[in-house]
Protein backbone atom coordinates (compact mmCIF):
# COMPACT_ATOMS: atom_id res chain seq x y z
CA MET A 1 31.34 107.89 50.18
CA ALA A 2 31.39 111.55 50.77
CA THR A 3 31.07 110.69 54.74
CA ARG A 4 33.82 108.18 54.74
CA GLN A 5 36.25 110.68 52.84
CA ASP A 6 35.13 113.35 55.35
CA THR A 7 35.71 111.41 58.61
CA HIS A 8 38.67 109.28 57.98
CA PRO A 9 41.50 112.02 57.76
CA ARG A 10 40.16 113.37 61.16
CA THR A 11 40.49 109.72 62.54
CA ARG A 12 43.88 109.31 61.30
CA GLN A 13 44.85 112.65 62.69
CA ALA A 14 43.26 112.07 66.29
CA ARG A 15 45.40 108.73 66.33
CA ARG A 16 48.71 110.38 65.27
CA GLN A 17 48.01 112.80 67.93
CA GLN A 18 47.25 110.25 70.50
CA ARG A 19 50.57 108.55 69.43
CA LEU A 20 52.52 111.84 69.81
CA ILE A 21 51.01 112.50 73.38
CA TRP A 22 51.84 108.91 74.37
CA ILE A 23 55.39 109.45 73.00
CA ALA A 24 55.83 112.69 74.89
CA GLY A 25 54.64 110.98 77.97
CA VAL A 26 57.19 108.25 77.86
CA SER A 27 59.90 110.43 76.88
CA ALA A 28 59.18 112.93 79.84
CA LEU A 29 59.24 109.75 82.07
CA LEU A 30 62.59 108.67 80.75
CA VAL A 31 64.02 112.21 81.34
CA VAL A 32 62.79 112.06 84.91
CA LEU A 33 64.14 108.57 85.57
CA VAL A 34 67.90 109.71 84.12
CA ILE A 35 67.77 112.73 86.21
CA THR A 36 66.76 110.99 89.16
CA SER A 37 69.45 108.31 88.73
CA VAL A 38 72.13 110.91 87.91
CA ALA A 39 71.29 112.55 91.26
CA SER A 40 71.29 109.55 93.20
CA ILE A 41 74.76 108.74 91.91
CA GLY A 42 75.95 112.06 92.81
CA GLN A 43 74.63 111.78 96.14
CA ASN A 44 76.20 108.58 96.81
CA SER A 45 79.54 109.84 95.46
CA THR A 46 79.44 112.97 97.60
CA ALA A 47 78.70 110.48 100.73
CA GLN A 48 81.61 108.10 99.85
CA ARG A 49 83.82 111.21 99.58
CA ILE A 50 82.75 112.28 102.91
CA ALA A 51 82.98 109.09 104.65
CA HIS A 52 86.48 108.81 103.11
CA ASN A 53 87.57 111.84 104.89
CA GLN A 54 86.15 111.23 108.25
CA GLY A 55 88.46 108.53 109.66
CA PRO A 56 89.88 108.56 113.29
CA LEU A 57 90.97 112.05 114.26
CA VAL A 58 94.70 112.14 114.42
CA ILE A 59 96.61 114.45 117.19
CA ALA A 60 99.87 116.15 116.76
CA ALA A 61 102.68 114.69 118.67
CA HIS A 62 104.68 118.08 119.34
CA GLY A 63 103.32 120.76 121.78
CA VAL A 64 103.86 124.50 122.08
CA PRO A 65 107.19 125.85 120.54
CA PRO A 66 109.85 127.52 122.78
CA ASN A 67 109.31 131.32 122.92
CA ALA A 68 105.65 131.00 121.75
CA GLU A 69 103.35 133.93 122.53
CA LEU A 70 100.90 133.44 125.34
CA ASN A 71 97.47 132.60 123.72
CA GLY A 72 99.02 133.80 120.39
CA ARG A 73 99.72 132.31 116.96
CA ALA A 74 103.49 133.16 116.91
CA TRP A 75 106.87 132.00 118.45
CA GLY A 76 109.77 134.19 118.82
CA PRO A 77 110.43 137.87 120.19
CA ALA A 78 108.42 140.55 118.68
CA ASP A 79 111.31 142.53 118.03
CA ALA A 80 113.33 139.75 116.30
CA PRO A 81 115.58 140.83 113.47
CA ILE A 82 114.13 137.74 111.13
CA GLN A 83 110.23 138.27 110.77
CA VAL A 84 108.46 135.59 109.20
CA ILE A 85 104.76 135.46 108.37
CA GLU A 86 103.22 132.25 106.78
CA TYR A 87 99.88 132.80 105.09
CA ALA A 88 98.35 129.48 105.37
CA ASP A 89 94.97 127.83 104.49
CA TYR A 90 93.85 124.58 106.59
CA GLU A 91 92.70 122.83 103.66
CA CYS A 92 95.58 123.66 101.35
CA GLU A 93 97.46 120.37 100.33
CA SER A 94 100.89 122.27 100.10
CA CYS A 95 100.45 124.13 103.56
CA GLY A 96 99.64 120.53 104.95
CA TYR A 97 102.73 119.32 103.46
CA PHE A 98 105.06 122.00 105.08
CA ALA A 99 103.31 121.55 108.42
CA ARG A 100 103.85 118.04 108.36
CA THR A 101 107.21 117.77 106.75
CA TYR A 102 109.26 120.79 107.80
CA GLU A 103 107.45 122.77 110.68
CA ALA A 104 108.93 120.79 113.58
CA GLU A 105 112.23 120.87 112.20
CA VAL A 106 111.93 124.63 111.73
CA VAL A 107 110.82 125.15 115.34
CA ALA A 108 113.80 123.16 116.43
CA ALA A 109 116.19 125.11 114.41
CA PHE A 110 115.10 128.65 114.92
CA ALA A 111 112.47 129.17 117.80
CA ALA A 112 114.86 128.76 120.64
CA THR A 113 117.51 131.44 119.08
CA GLY A 114 115.49 134.31 120.14
CA LYS A 115 116.47 135.87 116.56
CA VAL A 116 113.46 134.48 114.42
CA ARG A 117 109.70 135.32 114.94
CA PHE A 118 107.42 133.15 113.12
CA GLU A 119 103.73 134.11 112.92
CA ILE A 120 100.77 132.09 111.32
CA ARG A 121 98.00 134.25 109.56
CA ASN A 122 94.94 132.80 107.92
CA ALA A 123 94.37 132.67 104.10
CA PRO A 124 91.15 130.95 104.09
CA PHE A 125 90.63 130.44 100.26
CA HIS A 126 88.94 127.16 100.24
CA GLY A 127 85.71 128.42 101.82
CA GLU A 128 83.74 127.17 104.50
CA GLY A 129 85.80 124.37 105.92
CA SER A 130 88.96 126.73 105.71
CA ARG A 131 87.02 129.46 107.80
CA ASN A 132 85.63 127.15 110.40
CA ALA A 133 89.25 125.62 110.91
CA ALA A 134 90.70 129.09 111.22
CA ALA A 135 88.13 130.06 113.95
CA ALA A 136 88.85 126.79 115.54
CA ALA A 137 92.51 127.81 115.70
CA TYR A 138 91.62 131.23 117.27
CA CYS A 139 89.42 129.70 119.91
CA ALA A 140 91.97 127.24 120.83
CA ALA A 141 94.66 130.11 121.03
CA GLU A 142 92.46 131.62 123.74
CA GLN A 143 93.58 128.62 125.96
CA ASN A 144 97.20 128.94 124.76
CA ALA A 145 96.52 125.88 122.68
CA PHE A 146 96.88 127.23 119.23
CA TRP A 147 99.73 125.30 118.07
CA PRO A 148 98.49 121.71 119.02
CA MET A 149 95.10 122.78 117.32
CA HIS A 150 97.15 124.25 114.22
CA ASP A 151 99.36 121.26 113.87
CA SER A 152 96.47 118.87 114.41
CA LEU A 153 94.30 120.60 111.82
CA PHE A 154 96.75 119.90 109.14
CA LEU A 155 96.85 116.21 110.41
CA ASN A 156 93.20 115.89 109.70
CA GLN A 157 93.02 118.34 106.74
CA PRO A 158 90.29 116.97 103.59
CA THR A 159 92.04 114.87 101.36
CA VAL A 160 89.42 114.76 98.62
CA GLU A 161 88.09 118.03 97.06
CA GLY A 162 84.89 119.34 98.09
CA THR A 163 84.64 117.77 101.46
CA GLY A 164 85.97 120.72 103.76
CA PRO A 165 82.76 121.81 105.20
CA GLN A 166 82.07 118.27 106.35
CA VAL A 167 85.77 117.32 107.49
CA PHE A 168 85.91 120.85 109.24
CA SER A 169 82.20 120.95 110.39
CA VAL A 170 81.63 122.33 113.78
CA ALA A 171 81.02 119.22 115.33
CA ARG A 172 84.09 117.52 114.06
CA LEU A 173 86.24 120.44 115.21
CA ASN A 174 84.76 120.06 118.45
CA ALA A 175 85.34 116.40 118.57
CA LEU A 176 89.11 117.22 117.77
CA ALA A 177 89.55 120.00 120.56
CA ALA A 178 88.25 117.26 123.09
CA LYS A 179 91.14 115.44 122.32
CA LEU A 180 93.58 118.59 122.86
CA PRO A 181 94.99 119.99 126.23
CA LEU A 182 92.07 122.62 126.54
CA ASP A 183 88.86 123.10 127.99
CA ALA A 184 86.71 121.52 125.41
CA ALA A 185 83.22 123.24 126.69
CA ALA A 186 84.88 126.59 126.65
CA PHE A 187 85.99 125.76 123.16
CA ALA A 188 82.58 124.64 121.97
CA GLN A 189 81.15 127.79 123.28
CA CYS A 190 83.58 129.99 121.48
CA LEU A 191 83.12 128.18 118.18
CA SER A 192 79.46 128.05 118.21
CA SER A 193 79.22 131.72 119.14
CA GLY A 194 80.80 132.75 116.02
CA ARG A 195 83.30 135.02 117.92
CA TYR A 196 85.77 135.05 115.22
CA VAL A 197 83.78 134.80 112.13
CA ALA A 198 84.69 138.86 111.48
CA GLN A 199 88.29 138.14 112.28
CA VAL A 200 88.64 135.35 109.72
CA GLU A 201 86.76 137.70 107.08
CA ALA A 202 89.41 140.36 108.11
CA ASP A 203 92.28 137.69 107.52
CA ASP A 204 90.69 137.06 104.10
CA ALA A 205 90.64 140.79 103.32
CA GLU A 206 94.25 141.14 104.33
CA THR A 207 95.43 138.48 101.92
CA GLU A 208 94.08 140.78 98.82
CA ARG A 209 95.25 143.88 100.55
CA VAL A 210 99.00 142.46 100.62
CA GLY A 211 98.78 140.47 97.51
CA VAL A 212 98.95 136.96 98.61
CA THR A 213 97.26 134.75 96.02
CA GLY A 214 98.17 131.45 96.90
CA THR A 215 99.62 129.14 99.91
CA PRO A 216 101.60 128.83 101.56
CA THR A 217 103.29 132.44 101.16
CA PHE A 218 106.00 133.25 103.43
CA VAL A 219 106.78 137.03 103.89
CA ILE A 220 110.11 137.30 105.31
CA ASN A 221 111.63 140.55 106.32
CA GLY A 222 108.86 142.13 103.82
CA ARG A 223 109.78 139.80 101.00
CA ALA A 224 107.24 137.31 99.65
CA TYR A 225 108.23 133.61 98.88
CA PRO A 226 105.02 131.81 97.47
CA ALA A 227 106.45 128.29 97.83
CA ILE A 228 106.98 125.27 100.08
CA LEU A 229 110.23 126.14 101.90
CA SER A 230 112.35 123.58 103.65
CA THR A 231 114.49 124.39 106.72
CA ASP A 232 117.71 124.73 104.64
CA GLU A 233 115.86 126.86 102.04
CA LEU A 234 114.63 129.22 105.04
CA ARG A 235 118.03 129.26 106.49
CA GLN A 236 119.37 130.44 103.04
CA ILE A 237 116.81 133.02 102.81
CA PHE A 238 117.38 134.45 106.37
CA ALA A 239 121.18 134.76 105.44
CA GLU A 240 120.13 137.06 102.50
CA VAL A 241 117.50 139.03 104.33
CA ALA A 242 119.61 139.40 107.38
CA PRO A 243 123.10 138.58 106.81
CA ALA A 244 124.59 140.40 110.13
CA VAL A 245 122.36 137.86 112.17
CA ASP A 246 124.44 134.82 113.21
CA LEU A 247 121.72 131.87 113.77
CA ALA A 248 124.46 129.54 114.96
CA GLN A 249 124.85 131.32 118.46
């Protein structure tokens, strides 16, 4: 009797320990399976988002504006009485809306007058994809193809959040350049060399220095207008900041 009373509690304790070990093992396996399943779903979702954004590339129909600077990012005389700077991000949905809806109309209304200068500056707030696109625009400008690249970037900008690095990857930007009126090999060498990485970083620093916190932001004769501006709204602002300038002539 003494022996049974002495060994039975230890036997039950050992069995409990075995059950606890088995339960812990099963629980750990379930946790691993759940984590693996969630990761797989996340990877599939990311792949689907990227694929959704990588349809056929679209090329802008309009070309270089009148009075465009050679190999530059502006149109209009340097001494024009109305000076417009647009701070833009190639991943910015609102910037894309302005480019696709109003930019050609703005060019048609003001570029040939010689009284308005319109310059594009980078505000690459969205990160890697925005910076790649900004560098691509600089590389295109070397061949006097800034405006076709600029307009085409907005036609192909990401429509799903988080896909910018894939949509504006170096390979895809090279494919876009191959469809534009420029030397694709020279463009590819420029982009892969990282020639404009420092310049794009300086552009980003400039936005902080001048107080640009959102895109698009238009600075017109020193006054900031953080909004999408239609052609008529721009015309009204021009009349306010430069009332002596007659754009009808």
